[in-house]
Amino acid sequence: MLGLEWAPVAGIIVGFIVGLTGVGGGALMAPILLVGFGIDLMTVVATDLLFATLTKLAASSVHSRNALVDWEVTRRMWLGSIPLSLIVITAVYGGLAIENETLIKNLLGLLILMSAISLLFGRKLQFMQRAKRVATPAKFKRFQIPMTTASGAILGGLVALTSIGAGALGAVMLRTLYPLRMTPQKLVATDTVHAIPVALIAGVTYLALGFVDITLLAYLLAGSIPATLLGSKIMGTLRPEVVKGLLAVALLTAGFKLIY
């Protein structure tokens, strides 16, 4: 198992990927903490949520200055994600997570695998949805707003329970629902900003319940925040496809490790 002195290195790796691609934060950090550092599940989920909040806040400041965030779409997702995160957190307060750690760990592994698959096939799915959007615009737009809110609700519940889902899964939902509107940079920015209040609500609640490891969080943030700012600033100058491909392989490995 890795010692705490390696936590800033983990923060640098994950922070740079979050800044560059907007995905991989929770899905990558959770297995690193579980498998690499040997930290218990509830501490991982709780600490990862606050780590994701503060790391994505750093990235969002750059995205907002560059006018890349689609605030209309973000608000539509918040209508679903914030209420559902509150409902899940209420259930966690009642002991749901503590009583079902094995189930949650398997769900976490499954979500990591789904995140990897979405990274590999997200662009292809967007192209398919773009054809539908152009062919039948009225039919497509009829369900766009309610499906956006429903997608937000799914993400809010998953993030509050496992700390995973807002990145890669959120991105594939946005690609599916807004295939013409979501350019690569706008996709990263909107997905990043949407995740912040959802992770914050859940993270602060877990902090109040005593699950957050403050020392670990500080070490992770020491590496992640500068790396996130760097990734966000160079996002437009690099092609993130190679990074996403390597990240997908890492997530597939981590997901199978957690499940099996």
C-alpha atoms as a PDB file:
ATOM      1  CA  MET A   1       0.000   0.000   0.000  1.00  0.00           C
ATOM      2  CA  LEU A   2       1.149   3.528  -0.768  1.00  0.00           C
ATOM      3  CA  GLY A   3       1.911   5.954   2.036  1.00  0.00           C
ATOM      4  CA  LEU A   4       0.314   9.361   2.501  1.00  0.00           C
ATOM      5  CA  GLU A   5       3.367  11.061   0.974  1.00  0.00           C
ATOM      6  CA  TRP A   6       2.225   9.752  -2.428  1.00  0.00           C
ATOM      7  CA  ALA A   7      -1.179  11.466  -2.171  1.00  0.00           C
ATOM      8  CA  PRO A   8      -0.032  14.731  -3.858  1.00  0.00           C
ATOM      9  CA  VAL A   9       1.207  12.678  -6.825  1.00  0.00           C
ATOM     10  CA  ALA A  10      -2.229  11.069  -7.127  1.00  0.00           C
ATOM     11  CA  GLY A  11      -3.744  14.548  -6.923  1.00  0.00           C
ATOM     12  CA  ILE A  12      -1.513  15.822  -9.725  1.00  0.00           C
ATOM     13  CA  ILE A  13      -2.424  12.958 -12.060  1.00  0.00           C
ATOM     14  CA  VAL A  14      -6.167  13.145 -11.454  1.00  0.00           C
ATOM     15  CA  GLY A  15      -6.258  16.948 -11.345  1.00  0.00           C
ATOM     16  CA  PHE A  16      -4.520  17.293 -14.713  1.00  0.00           C
ATOM     17  CA  ILE A  17      -6.914  14.806 -16.317  1.00  0.00           C
ATOM     18  CA  VAL A  18      -9.949  16.614 -14.851  1.00  0.00           C
ATOM     19  CA  GLY A  19      -8.693  19.968 -16.122  1.00  0.00           C
ATOM     20  CA  LEU A  20      -7.909  18.628 -19.576  1.00  0.00           C
ATOM     21  CA  THR A  21     -10.924  16.399 -20.193  1.00  0.00           C
ATOM     22  CA  GLY A  22     -13.488  17.177 -17.467  1.00  0.00           C
ATOM     23  CA  VAL A  23     -13.797  13.464 -16.667  1.00  0.00           C
ATOM     24  CA  GLY A  24     -12.091  10.829 -14.605  1.00  0.00           C
ATOM     25  CA  GLY A  25     -12.055  12.622 -11.244  1.00  0.00           C
ATOM     26  CA  GLY A  26     -14.134  10.373  -9.026  1.00  0.00           C
ATOM     27  CA  ALA A  27     -13.859   7.348 -11.291  1.00  0.00           C
ATOM     28  CA  LEU A  28     -10.069   7.476 -11.169  1.00  0.00           C
ATOM     29  CA  MET A  29      -9.451   8.761  -7.643  1.00  0.00           C
ATOM     30  CA  ALA A  30     -11.802   6.309  -5.910  1.00  0.00           C
ATOM     31  CA  PRO A  31      -9.989   3.126  -7.049  1.00  0.00           C
ATOM     32  CA  ILE A  32      -6.604   4.774  -6.409  1.00  0.00           C
ATOM     33  CA  LEU A  33      -7.588   5.415  -2.800  1.00  0.00           C
ATOM     34  CA  LEU A  34      -9.274   2.037  -2.337  1.00  0.00           C
ATOM     35  CA  VAL A  35      -6.671  -0.191  -3.969  1.00  0.00           C
ATOM     36  CA  GLY A  36      -3.511   1.895  -3.923  1.00  0.00           C
ATOM     37  CA  PHE A  37      -3.806   3.412  -0.452  1.00  0.00           C
ATOM     38  CA  GLY A  38      -6.017   0.792   1.210  1.00  0.00           C
ATOM     39  CA  ILE A  39      -8.527   3.316   2.577  1.00  0.00           C
ATOM     40  CA  ASP A  40     -11.983   2.146   3.635  1.00  0.00           C
ATOM     41  CA  LEU A  41     -14.950   2.685   1.330  1.00  0.00           C
ATOM     42  CA  MET A  42     -16.884   5.363   3.231  1.00  0.00           C
ATOM     43  CA  THR A  43     -13.771   7.487   3.780  1.00  0.00           C
ATOM     44  CA  VAL A  44     -12.974   7.187   0.068  1.00  0.00           C
ATOM     45  CA  VAL A  45     -16.458   8.268  -1.031  1.00  0.00           C
ATOM     46  CA  ALA A  46     -16.586  11.160   1.442  1.00  0.00           C
ATOM     47  CA  THR A  47     -13.070  12.469   0.799  1.00  0.00           C
ATOM     48  CA  ASP A  48     -13.393  11.997  -2.957  1.00  0.00           C
ATOM     49  CA  LEU A  49     -16.533  14.143  -3.047  1.00  0.00           C
ATOM     50  CA  LEU A  50     -14.844  17.144  -1.444  1.00  0.00           C
ATOM     51  CA  PHE A  51     -11.728  16.528  -3.516  1.00  0.00           C
ATOM     52  CA  ALA A  52     -13.853  16.608  -6.693  1.00  0.00           C
ATOM     53  CA  THR A  53     -15.665  19.772  -5.552  1.00  0.00           C
ATOM     54  CA  LEU A  54     -12.538  21.802  -4.870  1.00  0.00           C
ATOM     55  CA  THR A  55     -10.637  20.462  -7.873  1.00  0.00           C
ATOM     56  CA  LYS A  56     -13.489  21.236 -10.263  1.00  0.00           C
ATOM     57  CA  LEU A  57     -13.941  24.680  -8.711  1.00  0.00           C
ATOM     58  CA  ALA A  58     -10.400  25.458  -9.795  1.00  0.00           C
ATOM     59  CA  ALA A  59     -11.142  24.252 -13.332  1.00  0.00           C
ATOM     60  CA  SER A  60     -14.503  26.037 -13.502  1.00  0.00           C
ATOM     61  CA  SER A  61     -12.902  29.424 -12.826  1.00  0.00           C
ATOM     62  CA  VAL A  62     -10.935  29.057 -16.054  1.00  0.00           C
ATOM     63  CA  HIS A  63     -13.919  27.726 -18.023  1.00  0.00           C
ATOM     64  CA  SER A  64     -16.170  30.549 -16.806  1.00  0.00           C
ATOM     65  CA  ARG A  65     -13.655  33.252 -17.762  1.00  0.00           C
ATOM     66  CA  ASN A  66     -13.442  31.703 -21.227  1.00  0.00           C
ATOM     67  CA  ALA A  67     -17.274  31.718 -21.541  1.00  0.00           C
ATOM     68  CA  LEU A  68     -17.393  27.977 -22.227  1.00  0.00           C
ATOM     69  CA  VAL A  69     -20.123  26.965 -19.750  1.00  0.00           C
ATOM     70  CA  ASP A  70     -23.629  26.383 -21.151  1.00  0.00           C
ATOM     71  CA  TRP A  71     -25.539  27.708 -18.152  1.00  0.00           C
ATOM     72  CA  GLU A  72     -28.992  26.905 -19.561  1.00  0.00           C
ATOM     73  CA  VAL A  73     -28.172  23.206 -19.856  1.00  0.00           C
ATOM     74  CA  THR A  74     -26.428  23.247 -16.474  1.00  0.00           C
ATOM     75  CA  ARG A  75     -29.514  24.655 -14.744  1.00  0.00           C
ATOM     76  CA  ARG A  76     -31.714  22.018 -16.385  1.00  0.00           C
ATOM     77  CA  MET A  77     -29.485  19.278 -14.978  1.00  0.00           C
ATOM     78  CA  TRP A  78     -29.356  20.881 -11.528  1.00  0.00           C
ATOM     79  CA  LEU A  79     -33.178  20.690 -11.348  1.00  0.00           C
ATOM     80  CA  GLY A  80     -32.785  16.913 -11.172  1.00  0.00           C
ATOM     81  CA  SER A  81     -29.369  16.358  -9.655  1.00  0.00           C
ATOM     82  CA  ILE A  82     -29.562  18.559  -6.563  1.00  0.00           C
ATOM     83  CA  PRO A  83     -32.924  17.226  -5.221  1.00  0.00           C
ATOM     84  CA  LEU A  84     -31.883  13.594  -5.815  1.00  0.00           C
ATOM     85  CA  SER A  85     -28.537  14.114  -4.126  1.00  0.00           C
ATOM     86  CA  LEU A  86     -30.382  15.458  -1.080  1.00  0.00           C
ATOM     87  CA  ILE A  87     -32.675  12.416  -1.024  1.00  0.00           C
ATOM     88  CA  VAL A  88     -29.740  10.005  -1.234  1.00  0.00           C
ATOM     89  CA  ILE A  89     -27.820  11.895   1.450  1.00  0.00           C
ATOM     90  CA  THR A  90     -30.866  11.621   3.733  1.00  0.00           C
ATOM     91  CA  ALA A  91     -30.830   7.852   3.176  1.00  0.00           C
ATOM     92  CA  VAL A  92     -27.090   7.729   3.883  1.00  0.00           C
ATOM     93  CA  TYR A  93     -27.667   9.631   7.121  1.00  0.00           C
ATOM     94  CA  GLY A  94     -30.123   6.892   8.039  1.00  0.00           C
ATOM     95  CA  GLY A  95     -27.405   4.257   7.639  1.00  0.00           C
ATOM     96  CA  LEU A  96     -27.972   3.099   4.049  1.00  0.00           C
ATOM     97  CA  ALA A  97     -24.313   3.212   2.976  1.00  0.00           C
ATOM     98  CA  ILE A  98     -22.891   1.714   6.161  1.00  0.00           C
ATOM     99  CA  GLU A  99     -25.260  -1.250   5.986  1.00  0.00           C
ATOM    100  CA  ASN A 100     -24.622  -1.966   2.287  1.00  0.00           C
ATOM    101  CA  GLU A 101     -20.891  -1.400   1.757  1.00  0.00           C
ATOM    102  CA  THR A 102     -20.422  -4.478  -0.448  1.00  0.00           C
ATOM    103  CA  LEU A 103     -23.308  -3.456  -2.699  1.00  0.00           C
ATOM    104  CA  ILE A 104     -21.998   0.091  -2.982  1.00  0.00           C
ATOM    105  CA  LYS A 105     -18.481  -1.146  -3.750  1.00  0.00           C
ATOM    106  CA  ASN A 106     -19.848  -3.310  -6.579  1.00  0.00           C
ATOM    107  CA  LEU A 107     -21.907  -0.377  -7.860  1.00  0.00           C
ATOM    108  CA  LEU A 108     -18.789   1.768  -7.748  1.00  0.00           C
ATOM    109  CA  GLY A 109     -16.908  -0.802  -9.827  1.00  0.00           C
ATOM    110  CA  LEU A 110     -19.774  -0.992 -12.334  1.00  0.00           C
ATOM    111  CA  LEU A 111     -19.887   2.786 -12.686  1.00  0.00           C
ATOM    112  CA  ILE A 112     -16.141   2.866 -13.306  1.00  0.00           C
ATOM    113  CA  LEU A 113     -16.571   0.305 -16.103  1.00  0.00           C
ATOM    114  CA  MET A 114     -19.426   2.352 -17.567  1.00  0.00           C
ATOM    115  CA  SER A 115     -17.253   5.465 -17.396  1.00  0.00           C
ATOM    116  CA  ALA A 116     -14.540   3.669 -19.374  1.00  0.00           C
ATOM    117  CA  ILE A 117     -17.006   2.539 -22.037  1.00  0.00           C
ATOM    118  CA  SER A 118     -18.451   6.043 -22.336  1.00  0.00           C
ATOM    119  CA  LEU A 119     -14.967   7.444 -22.893  1.00  0.00           C
ATOM    120  CA  LEU A 120     -14.339   4.965 -25.707  1.00  0.00           C
ATOM    121  CA  PHE A 121     -17.662   5.351 -27.514  1.00  0.00           C
ATOM    122  CA  GLY A 122     -18.895   8.822 -26.506  1.00  0.00           C
ATOM    123  CA  ARG A 123     -17.937  10.539 -29.768  1.00  0.00           C
ATOM    124  CA  LYS A 124     -19.539   7.824 -31.893  1.00  0.00           C
ATOM    125  CA  LEU A 125     -22.746   8.133 -29.892  1.00  0.00           C
ATOM    126  CA  GLN A 126     -22.731  11.905 -30.397  1.00  0.00           C
ATOM    127  CA  PHE A 127     -22.431  11.470 -34.166  1.00  0.00           C
ATOM    128  CA  MET A 128     -25.386   9.061 -34.147  1.00  0.00           C
ATOM    129  CA  GLN A 129     -27.485  11.458 -32.080  1.00  0.00           C
ATOM    130  CA  ARG A 130     -26.500  14.348 -34.328  1.00  0.00           C
ATOM    131  CA  ALA A 131     -28.024  12.544 -37.306  1.00  0.00           C
ATOM    132  CA  LYS A 132     -31.285  12.039 -35.387  1.00  0.00           C
ATOM    133  CA  ARG A 133     -31.313  15.670 -34.263  1.00  0.00           C
ATOM    134  CA  VAL A 134     -30.946  16.907 -37.858  1.00  0.00           C
ATOM    135  CA  ALA A 135     -33.444  14.413 -39.334  1.00  0.00           C
ATOM    136  CA  THR A 136     -36.291  14.977 -36.835  1.00  0.00           C
ATOM    137  CA  PRO A 137     -35.589  18.220 -34.923  1.00  0.00           C
ATOM    138  CA  ALA A 138     -39.104  18.736 -33.532  1.00  0.00           C
ATOM    139  CA  LYS A 139     -39.362  15.203 -32.160  1.00  0.00           C
ATOM    140  CA  PHE A 140     -35.849  15.334 -30.750  1.00  0.00           C
ATOM    141  CA  LYS A 141     -36.364  18.658 -28.947  1.00  0.00           C
ATOM    142  CA  ARG A 142     -39.713  17.582 -27.475  1.00  0.00           C
ATOM    143  CA  PHE A 143     -37.986  15.299 -24.984  1.00  0.00           C
ATOM    144  CA  GLN A 144     -34.737  17.231 -24.614  1.00  0.00           C
ATOM    145  CA  ILE A 145     -35.549  19.318 -21.534  1.00  0.00           C
ATOM    146  CA  PRO A 146     -37.296  16.614 -19.421  1.00  0.00           C
ATOM    147  CA  MET A 147     -34.606  14.085 -20.320  1.00  0.00           C
ATOM    148  CA  THR A 148     -31.923  16.578 -19.279  1.00  0.00           C
ATOM    149  CA  THR A 149     -33.505  16.956 -15.851  1.00  0.00           C
ATOM    150  CA  ALA A 150     -33.981  13.185 -15.553  1.00  0.00           C
ATOM    151  CA  SER A 151     -30.335  12.622 -16.495  1.00  0.00           C
ATOM    152  CA  GLY A 152     -29.317  15.125 -13.838  1.00  0.00           C
ATOM    153  CA  ALA A 153     -31.369  13.222 -11.270  1.00  0.00           C
ATOM    154  CA  ILE A 154     -29.615   9.952 -12.117  1.00  0.00           C
ATOM    155  CA  LEU A 155     -26.215  11.612 -11.843  1.00  0.00           C
ATOM    156  CA  GLY A 156     -27.110  13.331  -8.567  1.00  0.00           C
ATOM    157  CA  GLY A 157     -28.118  10.072  -6.928  1.00  0.00           C
ATOM    158  CA  LEU A 158     -25.049   8.194  -8.169  1.00  0.00           C
ATOM    159  CA  VAL A 159     -22.607  10.920  -7.158  1.00  0.00           C
ATOM    160  CA  ALA A 160     -24.050  11.263  -3.660  1.00  0.00           C
ATOM    161  CA  LEU A 161     -23.863   7.515  -3.088  1.00  0.00           C
ATOM    162  CA  THR A 162     -20.560   6.608  -4.747  1.00  0.00           C
ATOM    163  CA  SER A 163     -18.774   9.907  -5.648  1.00  0.00           C
ATOM    164  CA  ILE A 164     -18.762   8.694  -9.296  1.00  0.00           C
ATOM    165  CA  GLY A 165     -20.845   9.552 -12.342  1.00  0.00           C
ATOM    166  CA  ALA A 166     -20.675  13.296 -12.860  1.00  0.00           C
ATOM    167  CA  GLY A 167     -17.646  13.165 -15.177  1.00  0.00           C
ATOM    168  CA  ALA A 168     -17.648  10.526 -17.895  1.00  0.00           C
ATOM    169  CA  LEU A 169     -21.305   9.531 -17.510  1.00  0.00           C
ATOM    170  CA  GLY A 170     -22.376  13.165 -17.383  1.00  0.00           C
ATOM    171  CA  ALA A 171     -20.405  13.859 -20.535  1.00  0.00           C
ATOM    172  CA  VAL A 172     -22.024  11.034 -22.471  1.00  0.00           C
ATOM    173  CA  MET A 173     -25.477  12.209 -21.384  1.00  0.00           C
ATOM    174  CA  LEU A 174     -24.714  15.722 -22.621  1.00  0.00           C
ATOM    175  CA  ARG A 175     -23.377  14.343 -25.909  1.00  0.00           C
ATOM    176  CA  THR A 176     -26.567  12.336 -26.336  1.00  0.00           C
ATOM    177  CA  LEU A 177     -29.002  15.116 -25.498  1.00  0.00           C
ATOM    178  CA  TYR A 178     -27.175  18.030 -27.132  1.00  0.00           C
ATOM    179  CA  PRO A 179     -25.225  16.559 -30.079  1.00  0.00           C
ATOM    180  CA  LEU A 180     -25.108  19.847 -32.012  1.00  0.00           C
ATOM    181  CA  ARG A 181     -24.734  22.211 -29.075  1.00  0.00           C
ATOM    182  CA  MET A 182     -21.904  20.508 -27.217  1.00  0.00           C
ATOM    183  CA  THR A 183     -18.539  21.298 -28.732  1.00  0.00           C
ATOM    184  CA  PRO A 184     -15.605  19.481 -27.045  1.00  0.00           C
ATOM    185  CA  GLN A 185     -14.586  22.494 -24.946  1.00  0.00           C
ATOM    186  CA  LYS A 186     -18.164  23.412 -24.001  1.00  0.00           C
ATOM    187  CA  LEU A 187     -18.812  19.778 -23.059  1.00  0.00           C
ATOM    188  CA  VAL A 188     -15.859  19.728 -20.647  1.00  0.00           C
ATOM    189  CA  ALA A 189     -16.797  23.073 -19.094  1.00  0.00           C
ATOM    190  CA  THR A 190     -20.528  22.361 -18.673  1.00  0.00           C
ATOM    191  CA  ASP A 191     -19.962  18.872 -17.294  1.00  0.00           C
ATOM    192  CA  THR A 192     -17.386  20.182 -14.813  1.00  0.00           C
ATOM    193  CA  VAL A 193     -19.547  23.027 -13.502  1.00  0.00           C
ATOM    194  CA  HIS A 194     -22.668  20.871 -13.180  1.00  0.00           C
ATOM    195  CA  ALA A 195     -20.869  18.482 -10.827  1.00  0.00           C
ATOM    196  CA  ILE A 196     -19.768  21.114  -8.297  1.00  0.00           C
ATOM    197  CA  PRO A 197     -22.921  21.751  -6.173  1.00  0.00           C
ATOM    198  CA  VAL A 198     -23.930  18.077  -6.284  1.00  0.00           C
ATOM    199  CA  ALA A 199     -20.554  16.905  -4.974  1.00  0.00           C
ATOM    200  CA  LEU A 200     -20.429  19.796  -2.497  1.00  0.00           C
ATOM    201  CA  ILE A 201     -23.785  18.971  -0.918  1.00  0.00           C
ATOM    202  CA  ALA A 202     -22.862  15.330  -0.485  1.00  0.00           C
ATOM    203  CA  GLY A 203     -19.285  16.065   0.589  1.00  0.00           C
ATOM    204  CA  VAL A 204     -20.255  18.547   3.306  1.00  0.00           C
ATOM    205  CA  THR A 205     -22.831  16.101   4.660  1.00  0.00           C
ATOM    206  CA  TYR A 206     -20.238  13.317   4.833  1.00  0.00           C
ATOM    207  CA  LEU A 207     -17.850  15.774   6.497  1.00  0.00           C
ATOM    208  CA  ALA A 208     -20.450  16.501   9.186  1.00  0.00           C
ATOM    209  CA  LEU A 209     -20.890  12.741   9.696  1.00  0.00           C
ATOM    210  CA  GLY A 210     -17.143  12.379  10.293  1.00  0.00           C
ATOM    211  CA  PHE A 211     -16.237  10.311   7.211  1.00  0.00           C
ATOM    212  CA  VAL A 212     -13.850  12.786   5.529  1.00  0.00           C
ATOM    213  CA  ASP A 213     -10.092  12.359   6.068  1.00  0.00           C
ATOM    214  CA  ILE A 214      -9.008  16.014   6.223  1.00  0.00           C
ATOM    215  CA  THR A 215      -5.278  15.261   6.106  1.00  0.00           C
ATOM    216  CA  LEU A 216      -5.639  13.056   3.049  1.00  0.00           C
ATOM    217  CA  LEU A 217      -7.835  15.676   1.369  1.00  0.00           C
ATOM    218  CA  ALA A 218      -5.218  18.389   1.946  1.00  0.00           C
ATOM    219  CA  TYR A 219      -2.453  16.241   0.454  1.00  0.00           C
ATOM    220  CA  LEU A 220      -4.559  15.430  -2.611  1.00  0.00           C
ATOM    221  CA  LEU A 221      -5.526  19.058  -3.193  1.00  0.00           C
ATOM    222  CA  ALA A 222      -1.910  20.217  -2.873  1.00  0.00           C
ATOM    223  CA  GLY A 223      -1.220  18.308  -6.072  1.00  0.00           C
ATOM    224  CA  SER A 224      -4.547  18.535  -7.865  1.00  0.00           C
ATOM    225  CA  ILE A 225      -5.359  22.259  -7.856  1.00  0.00           C
ATOM    226  CA  PRO A 226      -2.270  23.507  -9.720  1.00  0.00           C
ATOM    227  CA  ALA A 227      -2.456  20.510 -12.066  1.00  0.00           C
ATOM    228  CA  THR A 228      -6.137  21.210 -12.764  1.00  0.00           C
ATOM    229  CA  LEU A 229      -5.447  24.841 -13.579  1.00  0.00           C
ATOM    230  CA  LEU A 230      -2.705  23.770 -15.967  1.00  0.00           C
ATOM    231  CA  GLY A 231      -4.941  21.184 -17.660  1.00  0.00           C
ATOM    232  CA  SER A 232      -7.767  23.723 -18.048  1.00  0.00           C
ATOM    233  CA  LYS A 233      -5.497  26.337 -19.581  1.00  0.00           C
ATOM    234  CA  ILE A 234      -4.019  24.012 -22.203  1.00  0.00           C
ATOM    235  CA  MET A 235      -7.306  22.220 -22.926  1.00  0.00           C
ATOM    236  CA  GLY A 236      -7.771  24.020 -26.234  1.00  0.00           C
ATOM    237  CA  THR A 237      -4.225  23.362 -27.445  1.00  0.00           C
ATOM    238  CA  LEU A 238      -4.114  19.578 -26.957  1.00  0.00           C
ATOM    239  CA  ARG A 239      -6.148  16.731 -28.370  1.00  0.00           C
ATOM    240  CA  PRO A 240      -7.538  14.899 -25.322  1.00  0.00           C
ATOM    241  CA  GLU A 241      -8.460  11.713 -27.237  1.00  0.00           C
ATOM    242  CA  VAL A 242      -5.166   9.990 -26.401  1.00  0.00           C
ATOM    243  CA  VAL A 243      -5.535  10.890 -22.720  1.00  0.00           C
ATOM    244  CA  LYS A 244      -9.116   9.608 -22.740  1.00  0.00           C
ATOM    245  CA  GLY A 245      -8.032   6.349 -24.372  1.00  0.00           C
ATOM    246  CA  LEU A 246      -5.365   5.716 -21.745  1.00  0.00           C
ATOM    247  CA  LEU A 247      -7.791   6.733 -19.009  1.00  0.00           C
ATOM    248  CA  ALA A 248     -10.394   4.288 -20.343  1.00  0.00           C
ATOM    249  CA  VAL A 249      -7.891   1.416 -20.124  1.00  0.00           C
ATOM    250  CA  ALA A 250      -7.007   2.399 -16.554  1.00  0.00           C
ATOM    251  CA  LEU A 251     -10.682   2.595 -15.588  1.00  0.00           C
ATOM    252  CA  LEU A 252     -11.480  -0.793 -17.121  1.00  0.00           C
ATOM    253  CA  THR A 253      -8.682  -2.339 -15.069  1.00  0.00           C
ATOM    254  CA  ALA A 254      -9.804  -0.599 -11.890  1.00  0.00           C
ATOM    255  CA  GLY A 255     -13.469  -1.457 -12.393  1.00  0.00           C
ATOM    256  CA  PHE A 256     -12.826  -5.165 -12.853  1.00  0.00           C
ATOM    257  CA  LYS A 257     -10.487  -5.110  -9.836  1.00  0.00           C
ATOM    258  CA  LEU A 258     -13.191  -3.694  -7.592  1.00  0.00           C
ATOM    259  CA  ILE A 259     -15.888  -6.077  -8.776  1.00  0.00           C
ATOM    260  CA  TYR A 260     -13.798  -9.236  -8.873  1.00  0.00           C
END
